């Protein structure tokens, strides 16, 4: 019997706890794999700007719920898992534009690497420029070199991780609970960065599921 799928419960953006349930994990993974590759191949084949914008806009409103229902539990080694992470980053930016811009500013200031250059956000770093960056990465997934788009997303996540850690250090002596939340967020952004970087490598060598 086919598994019953449940709409995910969207949690606060700071938690990254976007949940999907299924009684048949194998069927869900197959569906995720098939739909992600079908979407990518169709959009790339059509190469229509209006279609690309519709696909990018799925991160807005209820579209993100539909994506979560298909891809949220997918492995980071799969295309579905990589696309989900990109869409989730865009959704987080929409939900907390000022907070994400502040994390990026702090992370950019603390970064000892070329990640700010790779990510490519425009100065000054404002909520609008972060939103534009996330949209540009999403468009790159469907119109450019997917590995490059994933590397940009990985750099973005490394910067966000540094920003969350920097602010956590500042708050540590004043608000332990908030500092702990920010530290957890830094770790999750760091995990995303590693997963997206690995996804870029898998795309290049043809092993992305």
N, C-alpha and C. Protein backbone atom coordinates (compact mmCIF):
# COMPACT_ATOMS: atom_id res chain seq x y z
N UNK A 1 0.85 -1.19 0.00
CA UNK A 1 0.00 0.00 0.00
C UNK A 1 0.89 1.23 0.00
N UNK A 2 0.49 2.20 -0.82
CA UNK A 2 1.30 3.42 -0.90
C UNK A 2 1.28 4.15 0.42
N UNK A 3 2.40 4.78 0.77
CA UNK A 3 2.49 5.50 2.02
C UNK A 3 1.66 6.77 1.99
N UNK A 4 1.21 7.20 3.13
CA UNK A 4 0.47 8.43 3.26
C UNK A 4 1.46 9.56 3.50
N UNK A 5 1.31 10.63 2.72
CA UNK A 5 2.20 11.76 2.85
C UNK A 5 1.49 12.88 3.60
N UNK A 6 2.21 13.55 4.45
CA UNK A 6 1.64 14.60 5.27
C UNK A 6 2.30 15.93 4.93
N UNK A 7 1.51 16.99 4.95
CA UNK A 7 2.07 18.31 4.72
C UNK A 7 3.11 18.62 5.80
N UNK A 8 4.24 19.19 5.43
CA UNK A 8 5.25 19.50 6.44
C UNK A 8 4.81 20.66 7.31
N UNK A 9 5.27 20.65 8.55
CA UNK A 9 5.03 21.75 9.47
C UNK A 9 6.25 22.67 9.39
N UNK A 10 6.05 23.91 8.96
CA UNK A 10 7.15 24.83 8.79
C UNK A 10 7.47 25.51 10.10
N UNK A 11 8.65 25.27 10.61
CA UNK A 11 9.08 25.78 11.90
C UNK A 11 9.77 27.12 11.73
N UNK A 12 10.05 27.83 12.82
CA UNK A 12 10.81 29.08 12.72
C UNK A 12 12.11 28.88 11.98
N UNK A 13 12.51 29.89 11.23
CA UNK A 13 13.67 29.73 10.35
C UNK A 13 14.94 29.43 11.12
N UNK A 14 15.03 29.84 12.35
CA UNK A 14 16.27 29.61 13.10
C UNK A 14 16.50 28.15 13.40
N UNK A 15 15.46 27.33 13.33
CA UNK A 15 15.59 25.94 13.73
C UNK A 15 15.99 25.01 12.58
N UNK A 16 15.68 25.39 11.34
CA UNK A 16 15.88 24.53 10.16
C UNK A 16 15.07 23.24 10.29
N UNK A 17 14.16 23.15 11.24
CA UNK A 17 13.43 21.90 11.46
C UNK A 17 12.17 21.86 10.60
N UNK A 18 12.36 21.69 9.31
CA UNK A 18 11.23 21.58 8.39
C UNK A 18 11.00 20.09 8.16
N UNK A 19 9.83 19.63 8.53
CA UNK A 19 9.62 18.20 8.72
C UNK A 19 8.66 17.65 7.66
N UNK A 20 8.96 16.47 7.18
CA UNK A 20 8.04 15.76 6.30
C UNK A 20 7.97 14.32 6.76
N UNK A 21 6.79 13.74 6.72
CA UNK A 21 6.62 12.36 7.15
C UNK A 21 6.14 11.47 6.02
N UNK A 22 6.57 10.21 6.00
CA UNK A 22 6.09 9.25 5.00
C UNK A 22 6.22 7.85 5.56
N UNK A 23 5.25 7.01 5.24
CA UNK A 23 5.29 5.63 5.69
C UNK A 23 6.13 4.75 4.76
N UNK A 24 6.46 5.25 3.59
CA UNK A 24 7.22 4.46 2.62
C UNK A 24 8.41 5.28 2.16
N UNK A 25 9.52 5.13 2.86
CA UNK A 25 10.69 5.96 2.58
C UNK A 25 11.22 5.70 1.18
N UNK A 26 11.18 4.44 0.73
CA UNK A 26 11.71 4.11 -0.59
C UNK A 26 10.93 4.79 -1.70
N UNK A 27 9.60 4.79 -1.59
CA UNK A 27 8.77 5.43 -2.59
C UNK A 27 8.99 6.93 -2.59
N UNK A 28 9.15 7.51 -1.41
CA UNK A 28 9.38 8.95 -1.31
C UNK A 28 10.70 9.33 -1.96
N UNK A 29 11.74 8.53 -1.73
CA UNK A 29 13.04 8.84 -2.31
C UNK A 29 13.01 8.72 -3.83
N UNK A 30 12.31 7.72 -4.34
CA UNK A 30 12.20 7.57 -5.79
C UNK A 30 11.46 8.75 -6.40
N UNK A 31 10.38 9.15 -5.75
CA UNK A 31 9.61 10.29 -6.24
C UNK A 31 10.45 11.56 -6.21
N UNK A 32 11.19 11.75 -5.14
CA UNK A 32 12.05 12.93 -5.02
C UNK A 32 13.08 12.96 -6.14
N UNK A 33 13.70 11.81 -6.38
CA UNK A 33 14.72 11.74 -7.41
C UNK A 33 14.13 12.04 -8.79
N UNK A 34 12.99 11.41 -9.08
CA UNK A 34 12.37 11.58 -10.40
C UNK A 34 11.91 13.01 -10.64
N UNK A 35 11.28 13.62 -9.63
CA UNK A 35 10.74 14.97 -9.82
C UNK A 35 11.86 16.01 -9.91
N UNK A 36 12.91 15.84 -9.13
CA UNK A 36 13.99 16.84 -9.17
C UNK A 36 14.69 16.83 -10.52
N UNK A 37 14.99 15.64 -11.03
CA UNK A 37 15.66 15.56 -12.33
C UNK A 37 14.73 16.00 -13.45
N UNK A 38 13.44 15.67 -13.34
CA UNK A 38 12.49 16.08 -14.37
C UNK A 38 12.38 17.60 -14.42
N UNK A 39 12.31 18.24 -13.24
CA UNK A 39 12.22 19.69 -13.19
C UNK A 39 13.48 20.33 -13.78
N UNK A 40 14.64 19.87 -13.34
CA UNK A 40 15.89 20.45 -13.82
C UNK A 40 16.01 20.31 -15.33
N UNK A 41 15.78 19.11 -15.84
CA UNK A 41 15.94 18.86 -17.27
C UNK A 41 14.93 19.64 -18.10
N UNK A 42 13.70 19.74 -17.60
CA UNK A 42 12.68 20.45 -18.37
C UNK A 42 12.99 21.94 -18.44
N UNK A 43 13.35 22.53 -17.31
CA UNK A 43 13.63 23.97 -17.31
C UNK A 43 14.85 24.27 -18.17
N UNK A 44 15.88 23.44 -18.08
CA UNK A 44 17.08 23.66 -18.89
C UNK A 44 16.78 23.47 -20.38
N UNK A 45 15.91 22.53 -20.70
CA UNK A 45 15.59 22.28 -22.10
C UNK A 45 14.77 23.42 -22.70
N UNK A 46 13.81 23.92 -21.92
CA UNK A 46 12.94 24.99 -22.42
C UNK A 46 13.72 26.30 -22.52
N UNK A 47 14.56 26.57 -21.49
CA UNK A 47 15.39 27.78 -21.48
C UNK A 47 14.57 29.04 -21.68
N UNK A 48 13.43 29.10 -21.03
CA UNK A 48 12.53 30.25 -21.13
C UNK A 48 12.60 31.06 -19.84
N UNK A 49 12.85 32.36 -19.97
CA UNK A 49 13.04 33.21 -18.78
C UNK A 49 11.82 33.20 -17.88
N UNK A 50 10.63 33.17 -18.45
CA UNK A 50 9.41 33.19 -17.65
C UNK A 50 9.27 31.90 -16.85
N UNK A 51 9.63 30.78 -17.46
CA UNK A 51 9.58 29.50 -16.76
C UNK A 51 10.58 29.49 -15.61
N UNK A 52 11.78 30.00 -15.86
CA UNK A 52 12.80 30.05 -14.82
C UNK A 52 12.31 30.88 -13.64
N UNK A 53 11.69 32.02 -13.91
CA UNK A 53 11.21 32.87 -12.82
C UNK A 53 10.12 32.18 -12.02
N UNK A 54 9.27 31.41 -12.68
CA UNK A 54 8.23 30.67 -11.95
C UNK A 54 8.85 29.62 -11.04
N UNK A 55 9.88 28.96 -11.53
CA UNK A 55 10.56 27.94 -10.73
C UNK A 55 11.27 28.59 -9.54
N UNK A 56 11.92 29.73 -9.77
CA UNK A 56 12.58 30.45 -8.68
C UNK A 56 11.56 30.87 -7.63
N UNK A 57 10.39 31.31 -8.07
CA UNK A 57 9.38 31.84 -7.15
C UNK A 57 8.71 30.76 -6.30
N UNK A 58 9.03 29.49 -6.55
CA UNK A 58 8.46 28.42 -5.72
C UNK A 58 8.87 28.56 -4.25
N UNK A 59 9.93 29.30 -3.99
CA UNK A 59 10.35 29.51 -2.60
C UNK A 59 9.39 30.43 -1.86
N UNK A 60 8.49 31.08 -2.59
CA UNK A 60 7.54 31.99 -1.97
C UNK A 60 6.22 31.27 -1.68
N UNK A 61 5.56 31.70 -0.62
CA UNK A 61 4.21 31.23 -0.34
C UNK A 61 4.12 29.72 -0.16
N UNK A 62 3.03 29.16 -0.67
CA UNK A 62 2.76 27.74 -0.48
C UNK A 62 3.62 26.86 -1.37
N UNK A 63 4.29 27.47 -2.35
CA UNK A 63 5.15 26.66 -3.21
C UNK A 63 6.22 25.92 -2.44
N UNK A 64 6.72 26.53 -1.37
CA UNK A 64 7.75 25.87 -0.58
C UNK A 64 7.20 24.64 0.12
N UNK A 65 5.92 24.64 0.46
CA UNK A 65 5.31 23.46 1.07
C UNK A 65 5.31 22.29 0.10
N UNK A 66 5.00 22.58 -1.17
CA UNK A 66 4.99 21.52 -2.18
C UNK A 66 6.38 20.94 -2.38
N UNK A 67 7.38 21.82 -2.40
CA UNK A 67 8.76 21.35 -2.54
C UNK A 67 9.15 20.49 -1.34
N UNK A 68 8.80 20.95 -0.14
CA UNK A 68 9.15 20.21 1.06
C UNK A 68 8.53 18.83 1.05
N UNK A 69 7.29 18.76 0.59
CA UNK A 69 6.61 17.47 0.58
C UNK A 69 7.32 16.47 -0.32
N UNK A 70 7.99 16.96 -1.34
CA UNK A 70 8.69 16.08 -2.27
C UNK A 70 10.14 15.82 -1.87
N UNK A 71 10.85 16.86 -1.38
CA UNK A 71 12.31 16.77 -1.31
C UNK A 71 12.92 16.93 0.07
N UNK A 72 12.17 17.29 1.09
CA UNK A 72 12.78 17.69 2.36
C UNK A 72 13.58 16.58 3.04
N UNK A 73 13.25 15.34 2.82
CA UNK A 73 13.97 14.23 3.46
C UNK A 73 15.04 13.61 2.57
N UNK A 74 15.29 14.24 1.43
CA UNK A 74 16.23 13.64 0.48
C UNK A 74 17.67 13.78 0.95
N UNK A 75 18.47 12.80 0.60
CA UNK A 75 19.89 12.81 0.95
C UNK A 75 20.59 14.00 0.29
N UNK A 76 21.58 14.51 1.00
CA UNK A 76 22.40 15.59 0.43
C UNK A 76 23.20 15.10 -0.77
N UNK A 77 23.29 13.78 -0.95
CA UNK A 77 24.01 13.23 -2.10
C UNK A 77 23.14 13.19 -3.36
N UNK A 78 21.90 13.64 -3.24
CA UNK A 78 20.97 13.59 -4.37
C UNK A 78 20.69 14.99 -4.90
N UNK A 79 20.23 15.07 -6.14
CA UNK A 79 19.84 16.36 -6.70
C UNK A 79 18.69 16.95 -5.90
N UNK A 80 17.72 16.12 -5.52
CA UNK A 80 16.59 16.62 -4.75
C UNK A 80 17.05 17.25 -3.44
N UNK A 81 18.00 16.60 -2.76
CA UNK A 81 18.51 17.14 -1.51
C UNK A 81 19.24 18.45 -1.71
N UNK A 82 19.97 18.57 -2.80
CA UNK A 82 20.68 19.81 -3.09
C UNK A 82 19.69 20.93 -3.42
N UNK A 83 18.70 20.64 -4.25
CA UNK A 83 17.71 21.66 -4.59
C UNK A 83 16.94 22.11 -3.36
N UNK A 84 16.59 21.15 -2.49
CA UNK A 84 15.87 21.51 -1.28
C UNK A 84 16.67 22.49 -0.43
N UNK A 85 17.95 22.25 -0.30
CA UNK A 85 18.79 23.13 0.51
C UNK A 85 18.85 24.53 -0.08
N UNK A 86 18.91 24.63 -1.40
CA UNK A 86 18.94 25.94 -2.04
C UNK A 86 17.62 26.68 -1.82
N UNK A 87 16.52 25.97 -2.01
CA UNK A 87 15.21 26.60 -1.79
C UNK A 87 15.03 26.99 -0.32
N UNK A 88 15.50 26.17 0.58
CA UNK A 88 15.36 26.48 2.00
C UNK A 88 16.14 27.73 2.37
N UNK A 89 17.34 27.88 1.83
CA UNK A 89 18.11 29.09 2.09
C UNK A 89 17.36 30.33 1.62
N UNK A 90 16.74 30.24 0.45
CA UNK A 90 15.97 31.38 -0.06
C UNK A 90 14.76 31.65 0.83
N UNK A 91 14.11 30.62 1.30
CA UNK A 91 12.92 30.80 2.15
C UNK A 91 13.30 31.43 3.49
N UNK A 92 14.42 31.04 4.03
CA UNK A 92 14.88 31.61 5.30
C UNK A 92 15.14 33.11 5.13
N UNK A 93 15.73 33.47 4.01
CA UNK A 93 15.98 34.89 3.74
C UNK A 93 14.68 35.67 3.65
N UNK A 94 13.67 35.08 3.01
CA UNK A 94 12.37 35.75 2.91
C UNK A 94 11.72 35.91 4.28
N UNK A 95 11.86 34.90 5.12
CA UNK A 95 11.19 34.93 6.42
C UNK A 95 11.86 35.89 7.40
N UNK A 96 13.17 36.10 7.26
CA UNK A 96 13.90 36.97 8.19
C UNK A 96 14.94 37.77 7.43
N UNK A 97 14.50 38.72 6.59
CA UNK A 97 15.46 39.44 5.74
C UNK A 97 16.49 40.25 6.52
N UNK A 98 16.06 40.92 7.58
CA UNK A 98 17.01 41.73 8.35
C UNK A 98 18.02 40.85 9.10
N UNK A 99 17.53 39.74 9.68
CA UNK A 99 18.41 38.84 10.42
C UNK A 99 19.44 38.18 9.53
N UNK A 100 19.03 37.75 8.34
CA UNK A 100 19.99 37.10 7.45
C UNK A 100 21.02 38.11 6.94
N UNK A 101 20.59 39.33 6.66
CA UNK A 101 21.55 40.36 6.22
C UNK A 101 22.58 40.65 7.31
N UNK A 102 22.13 40.70 8.56
CA UNK A 102 23.06 40.96 9.66
C UNK A 102 24.05 39.81 9.83
N UNK A 103 23.57 38.58 9.74
CA UNK A 103 24.48 37.44 9.83
C UNK A 103 25.52 37.50 8.72
N UNK A 104 25.07 37.85 7.50
CA UNK A 104 26.02 37.91 6.38
C UNK A 104 27.04 39.01 6.60
N UNK A 105 26.60 40.18 7.07
CA UNK A 105 27.55 41.27 7.33
C UNK A 105 28.60 40.86 8.34
N UNK A 106 28.15 40.23 9.41
CA UNK A 106 29.10 39.80 10.45
C UNK A 106 30.04 38.73 9.91
N UNK A 107 29.48 37.78 9.16
CA UNK A 107 30.30 36.71 8.62
C UNK A 107 31.30 37.20 7.59
N UNK A 108 30.88 38.15 6.76
CA UNK A 108 31.79 38.71 5.76
C UNK A 108 32.96 39.41 6.44
N UNK A 109 32.68 40.14 7.51
CA UNK A 109 33.74 40.83 8.23
C UNK A 109 34.72 39.86 8.89
N UNK A 110 34.22 38.68 9.28
CA UNK A 110 35.06 37.71 9.98
C UNK A 110 35.74 36.72 9.06
N UNK A 111 35.34 36.69 7.79
CA UNK A 111 35.83 35.66 6.88
C UNK A 111 37.28 35.88 6.49
N UNK A 112 38.15 34.86 6.67
CA UNK A 112 39.54 34.97 6.25
C UNK A 112 39.76 34.39 4.84
N UNK A 113 38.69 34.03 4.16
CA UNK A 113 38.78 33.34 2.87
C UNK A 113 38.18 34.21 1.76
N UNK A 114 38.12 33.63 0.55
CA UNK A 114 37.52 34.34 -0.58
C UNK A 114 36.03 34.05 -0.69
N UNK A 115 35.43 33.45 0.32
CA UNK A 115 34.01 33.12 0.26
C UNK A 115 33.12 34.32 -0.07
N UNK A 116 33.36 35.52 0.50
CA UNK A 116 32.52 36.66 0.12
C UNK A 116 32.59 36.96 -1.38
N UNK A 117 33.77 36.77 -1.97
CA UNK A 117 33.92 37.00 -3.40
C UNK A 117 33.18 35.93 -4.19
N UNK A 118 33.31 34.67 -3.77
CA UNK A 118 32.64 33.57 -4.46
C UNK A 118 31.12 33.71 -4.36
N UNK A 119 30.64 34.05 -3.19
CA UNK A 119 29.19 34.23 -3.01
C UNK A 119 28.70 35.37 -3.89
N UNK A 120 29.43 36.48 -3.89
CA UNK A 120 29.14 37.54 -4.84
C UNK A 120 28.03 38.50 -4.47
N UNK A 121 27.77 38.73 -3.19
CA UNK A 121 26.72 39.68 -2.82
C UNK A 121 27.21 41.10 -3.04
N UNK A 122 26.28 41.97 -3.45
CA UNK A 122 26.64 43.36 -3.71
C UNK A 122 26.72 44.16 -2.42
N UNK A 123 27.62 45.14 -2.39
CA UNK A 123 27.72 46.08 -1.26
C UNK A 123 26.85 47.30 -1.53
N UNK A 124 26.29 47.90 -0.49
CA UNK A 124 26.31 47.44 0.90
C UNK A 124 25.41 46.23 1.08
N UNK A 125 25.72 45.42 2.08
CA UNK A 125 24.93 44.21 2.33
C UNK A 125 23.63 44.61 3.02
N UNK A 126 22.56 44.51 2.28
CA UNK A 126 21.22 44.82 2.78
C UNK A 126 20.31 43.63 2.53
N UNK A 127 19.13 43.59 3.18
CA UNK A 127 18.21 42.48 2.92
C UNK A 127 17.94 42.27 1.43
N UNK A 128 17.82 43.36 0.69
CA UNK A 128 17.53 43.24 -0.74
C UNK A 128 18.68 42.58 -1.50
N UNK A 129 19.91 42.90 -1.12
CA UNK A 129 21.05 42.32 -1.83
C UNK A 129 21.20 40.84 -1.49
N UNK A 130 20.85 40.44 -0.27
CA UNK A 130 20.89 39.02 0.08
C UNK A 130 19.81 38.26 -0.68
N UNK A 131 18.62 38.84 -0.78
CA UNK A 131 17.54 38.21 -1.54
C UNK A 131 17.94 38.06 -3.01
N UNK A 132 18.58 39.09 -3.55
CA UNK A 132 19.03 39.04 -4.94
C UNK A 132 20.07 37.94 -5.13
N UNK A 133 20.99 37.81 -4.17
CA UNK A 133 21.99 36.77 -4.25
C UNK A 133 21.34 35.39 -4.27
N UNK A 134 20.39 35.16 -3.36
CA UNK A 134 19.74 33.85 -3.30
C UNK A 134 18.97 33.56 -4.58
N UNK A 135 18.32 34.57 -5.14
CA UNK A 135 17.61 34.37 -6.41
C UNK A 135 18.59 34.08 -7.53
N UNK A 136 19.73 34.75 -7.53
CA UNK A 136 20.74 34.53 -8.56
C UNK A 136 21.28 33.10 -8.49
N UNK A 137 21.51 32.61 -7.28
CA UNK A 137 21.98 31.23 -7.11
C UNK A 137 20.93 30.26 -7.64
N UNK A 138 19.66 30.51 -7.32
CA UNK A 138 18.59 29.64 -7.80
C UNK A 138 18.52 29.64 -9.32
N UNK A 139 18.61 30.82 -9.91
CA UNK A 139 18.58 30.89 -11.38
C UNK A 139 19.77 30.13 -11.97
N UNK A 140 20.91 30.24 -11.31
CA UNK A 140 22.09 29.55 -11.80
C UNK A 140 21.94 28.04 -11.81
N UNK A 141 21.16 27.52 -10.88
CA UNK A 141 20.88 26.08 -10.85
C UNK A 141 20.23 25.64 -12.15
N UNK A 142 19.31 26.47 -12.66
CA UNK A 142 18.51 26.07 -13.81
C UNK A 142 18.99 26.64 -15.15
N UNK A 143 19.90 27.60 -15.10
CA UNK A 143 20.32 28.23 -16.36
C UNK A 143 21.82 28.20 -16.59
N UNK A 144 22.60 27.94 -15.57
CA UNK A 144 24.05 27.99 -15.73
C UNK A 144 24.71 26.69 -15.34
N UNK A 145 25.93 26.80 -14.83
CA UNK A 145 26.68 25.64 -14.36
C UNK A 145 26.20 25.32 -12.95
N UNK A 146 25.55 24.18 -12.79
CA UNK A 146 24.97 23.84 -11.49
C UNK A 146 26.04 23.74 -10.41
N UNK A 147 27.21 23.24 -10.76
CA UNK A 147 28.28 23.13 -9.77
C UNK A 147 28.71 24.50 -9.26
N UNK A 148 28.78 25.47 -10.15
CA UNK A 148 29.15 26.83 -9.75
C UNK A 148 28.10 27.41 -8.80
N UNK A 149 26.82 27.18 -9.13
CA UNK A 149 25.74 27.67 -8.27
C UNK A 149 25.82 27.04 -6.88
N UNK A 150 26.11 25.75 -6.82
CA UNK A 150 26.22 25.07 -5.53
C UNK A 150 27.43 25.58 -4.74
N UNK A 151 28.53 25.86 -5.43
CA UNK A 151 29.70 26.41 -4.75
C UNK A 151 29.40 27.80 -4.19
N UNK A 152 28.66 28.60 -4.94
CA UNK A 152 28.28 29.92 -4.43
C UNK A 152 27.41 29.78 -3.18
N UNK A 153 26.48 28.83 -3.23
CA UNK A 153 25.62 28.60 -2.07
C UNK A 153 26.43 28.11 -0.87
N UNK A 154 27.44 27.27 -1.13
CA UNK A 154 28.30 26.79 -0.05
C UNK A 154 29.07 27.95 0.58
N UNK A 155 29.59 28.85 -0.24
CA UNK A 155 30.29 30.02 0.29
C UNK A 155 29.34 30.89 1.11
N UNK A 156 28.15 31.08 0.61
CA UNK A 156 27.14 31.84 1.34
C UNK A 156 26.91 31.24 2.72
N UNK A 157 26.77 29.92 2.77
CA UNK A 157 26.52 29.24 4.05
C UNK A 157 27.71 29.36 5.00
N UNK A 158 28.93 29.29 4.46
CA UNK A 158 30.10 29.46 5.32
C UNK A 158 30.13 30.86 5.93
N UNK A 159 29.78 31.85 5.14
CA UNK A 159 29.73 33.23 5.66
C UNK A 159 28.65 33.34 6.73
N UNK A 160 27.48 32.76 6.47
CA UNK A 160 26.38 32.82 7.45
C UNK A 160 26.77 32.10 8.73
N UNK A 161 27.51 31.01 8.62
CA UNK A 161 27.96 30.28 9.79
C UNK A 161 28.91 31.13 10.63
N UNK A 162 29.84 31.80 9.95
CA UNK A 162 30.76 32.68 10.67
C UNK A 162 30.01 33.82 11.35
N UNK A 163 29.00 34.36 10.65
CA UNK A 163 28.22 35.45 11.23
C UNK A 163 27.45 35.03 12.46
N UNK A 164 26.83 33.87 12.39
CA UNK A 164 26.08 33.37 13.55
C UNK A 164 27.02 33.11 14.72
N UNK A 165 28.19 32.55 14.44
CA UNK A 165 29.16 32.28 15.51
C UNK A 165 29.67 33.57 16.13
N UNK A 166 29.92 34.60 15.30
CA UNK A 166 30.42 35.87 15.81
C UNK A 166 29.41 36.54 16.73
N UNK A 167 28.15 36.52 16.32
CA UNK A 167 27.12 37.14 17.16
C UNK A 167 26.90 36.32 18.42
N UNK A 168 27.03 35.00 18.31
CA UNK A 168 26.89 34.14 19.49
C UNK A 168 27.95 34.50 20.53
N UNK A 169 29.17 34.75 20.07
CA UNK A 169 30.24 35.13 20.99
C UNK A 169 29.91 36.44 21.71
N UNK A 170 29.31 37.38 20.97
CA UNK A 170 28.95 38.67 21.57
C UNK A 170 27.85 38.52 22.62
N UNK A 171 26.93 37.60 22.36
CA UNK A 171 25.78 37.45 23.25
C UNK A 171 26.04 36.49 24.40
N UNK A 172 27.15 35.80 24.36
CA UNK A 172 27.41 34.71 25.30
C UNK A 172 27.32 35.16 26.76
N UNK A 173 27.77 36.35 27.05
CA UNK A 173 27.80 36.82 28.44
C UNK A 173 26.49 37.52 28.85
N UNK A 174 25.60 37.74 27.88
CA UNK A 174 24.40 38.50 28.16
C UNK A 174 23.12 37.67 28.03
N UNK A 175 23.13 36.70 27.12
CA UNK A 175 21.92 35.92 26.84
C UNK A 175 22.34 34.52 26.41
N UNK A 176 22.46 33.65 27.39
CA UNK A 176 22.95 32.29 27.12
C UNK A 176 22.06 31.54 26.13
N UNK A 177 20.76 31.70 26.26
CA UNK A 177 19.82 30.96 25.40
C UNK A 177 19.97 31.40 23.95
N UNK A 178 20.05 32.71 23.74
CA UNK A 178 20.20 33.21 22.37
C UNK A 178 21.56 32.82 21.80
N UNK A 179 22.59 32.88 22.62
CA UNK A 179 23.92 32.48 22.16
C UNK A 179 23.93 31.01 21.75
N UNK A 180 23.25 30.17 22.53
CA UNK A 180 23.18 28.75 22.20
C UNK A 180 22.43 28.52 20.89
N UNK A 181 21.35 29.27 20.69
CA UNK A 181 20.58 29.16 19.44
C UNK A 181 21.42 29.56 18.24
N UNK A 182 22.18 30.64 18.40
CA UNK A 182 23.04 31.10 17.31
C UNK A 182 24.17 30.13 17.02
N UNK A 183 24.71 29.51 18.06
CA UNK A 183 25.76 28.50 17.87
C UNK A 183 25.23 27.31 17.09
N UNK A 184 24.01 26.88 17.44
CA UNK A 184 23.38 25.78 16.71
C UNK A 184 23.16 26.16 15.26
N UNK A 185 22.72 27.39 15.03
CA UNK A 185 22.49 27.85 13.66
C UNK A 185 23.81 27.88 12.88
N UNK A 186 24.88 28.30 13.54
CA UNK A 186 26.19 28.32 12.88
C UNK A 186 26.60 26.92 12.44
N UNK A 187 26.37 25.95 13.29
CA UNK A 187 26.71 24.56 12.96
C UNK A 187 25.88 24.05 11.79
N UNK A 188 24.61 24.43 11.74
CA UNK A 188 23.75 23.97 10.66
C UNK A 188 24.14 24.62 9.34
N UNK A 189 24.46 25.90 9.38
CA UNK A 189 24.94 26.53 8.16
C UNK A 189 26.25 25.89 7.70
N UNK A 190 27.12 25.55 8.64
CA UNK A 190 28.37 24.90 8.29
C UNK A 190 28.12 23.54 7.65
N UNK A 191 27.15 22.79 8.18
CA UNK A 191 26.79 21.50 7.60
C UNK A 191 26.26 21.68 6.18
N UNK A 192 25.40 22.69 6.00
CA UNK A 192 24.88 22.97 4.66
C UNK A 192 26.03 23.29 3.70
N UNK A 193 26.98 24.09 4.16
CA UNK A 193 28.11 24.45 3.31
C UNK A 193 28.87 23.21 2.85
N UNK A 194 29.13 22.30 3.76
CA UNK A 194 29.86 21.07 3.42
C UNK A 194 29.06 20.22 2.45
N UNK A 195 27.74 20.13 2.68
CA UNK A 195 26.88 19.31 1.82
C UNK A 195 26.77 19.90 0.42
N UNK A 196 26.65 21.21 0.32
CA UNK A 196 26.55 21.86 -0.99
C UNK A 196 27.87 21.76 -1.75
N UNK A 197 28.98 21.91 -1.04
CA UNK A 197 30.29 21.75 -1.67
C UNK A 197 30.44 20.33 -2.21
N UNK A 198 30.02 19.35 -1.42
CA UNK A 198 30.10 17.95 -1.88
C UNK A 198 29.16 17.73 -3.06
N UNK A 199 28.00 18.40 -3.05
CA UNK A 199 27.07 18.27 -4.17
C UNK A 199 27.68 18.80 -5.47
N UNK A 200 28.40 19.91 -5.37
CA UNK A 200 29.07 20.45 -6.56
C UNK A 200 30.08 19.46 -7.11
N UNK A 201 30.83 18.84 -6.21
CA UNK A 201 31.82 17.85 -6.64
C UNK A 201 31.13 16.64 -7.30
N UNK A 202 30.03 16.20 -6.73
CA UNK A 202 29.31 15.06 -7.29
C UNK A 202 28.71 15.40 -8.66
N UNK A 203 28.23 16.63 -8.81
CA UNK A 203 27.69 17.02 -10.12
C UNK A 203 28.80 16.96 -11.17
N UNK A 204 29.98 17.45 -10.80
CA UNK A 204 31.08 17.47 -11.77
C UNK A 204 31.55 16.07 -12.16
N UNK A 205 31.53 15.14 -11.19
CA UNK A 205 32.01 13.79 -11.54
C UNK A 205 30.89 12.82 -11.90
N UNK A 206 29.65 13.33 -11.98
CA UNK A 206 28.53 12.51 -12.45
C UNK A 206 27.97 11.55 -11.44
N UNK A 207 28.19 11.78 -10.14
CA UNK A 207 27.69 10.84 -9.13
C UNK A 207 26.56 11.42 -8.27
N UNK A 208 26.01 12.58 -8.67
CA UNK A 208 24.89 13.14 -7.93
C UNK A 208 23.65 12.32 -8.22
N UNK A 209 22.99 11.82 -7.15
CA UNK A 209 21.88 10.89 -7.31
C UNK A 209 20.61 11.52 -7.85
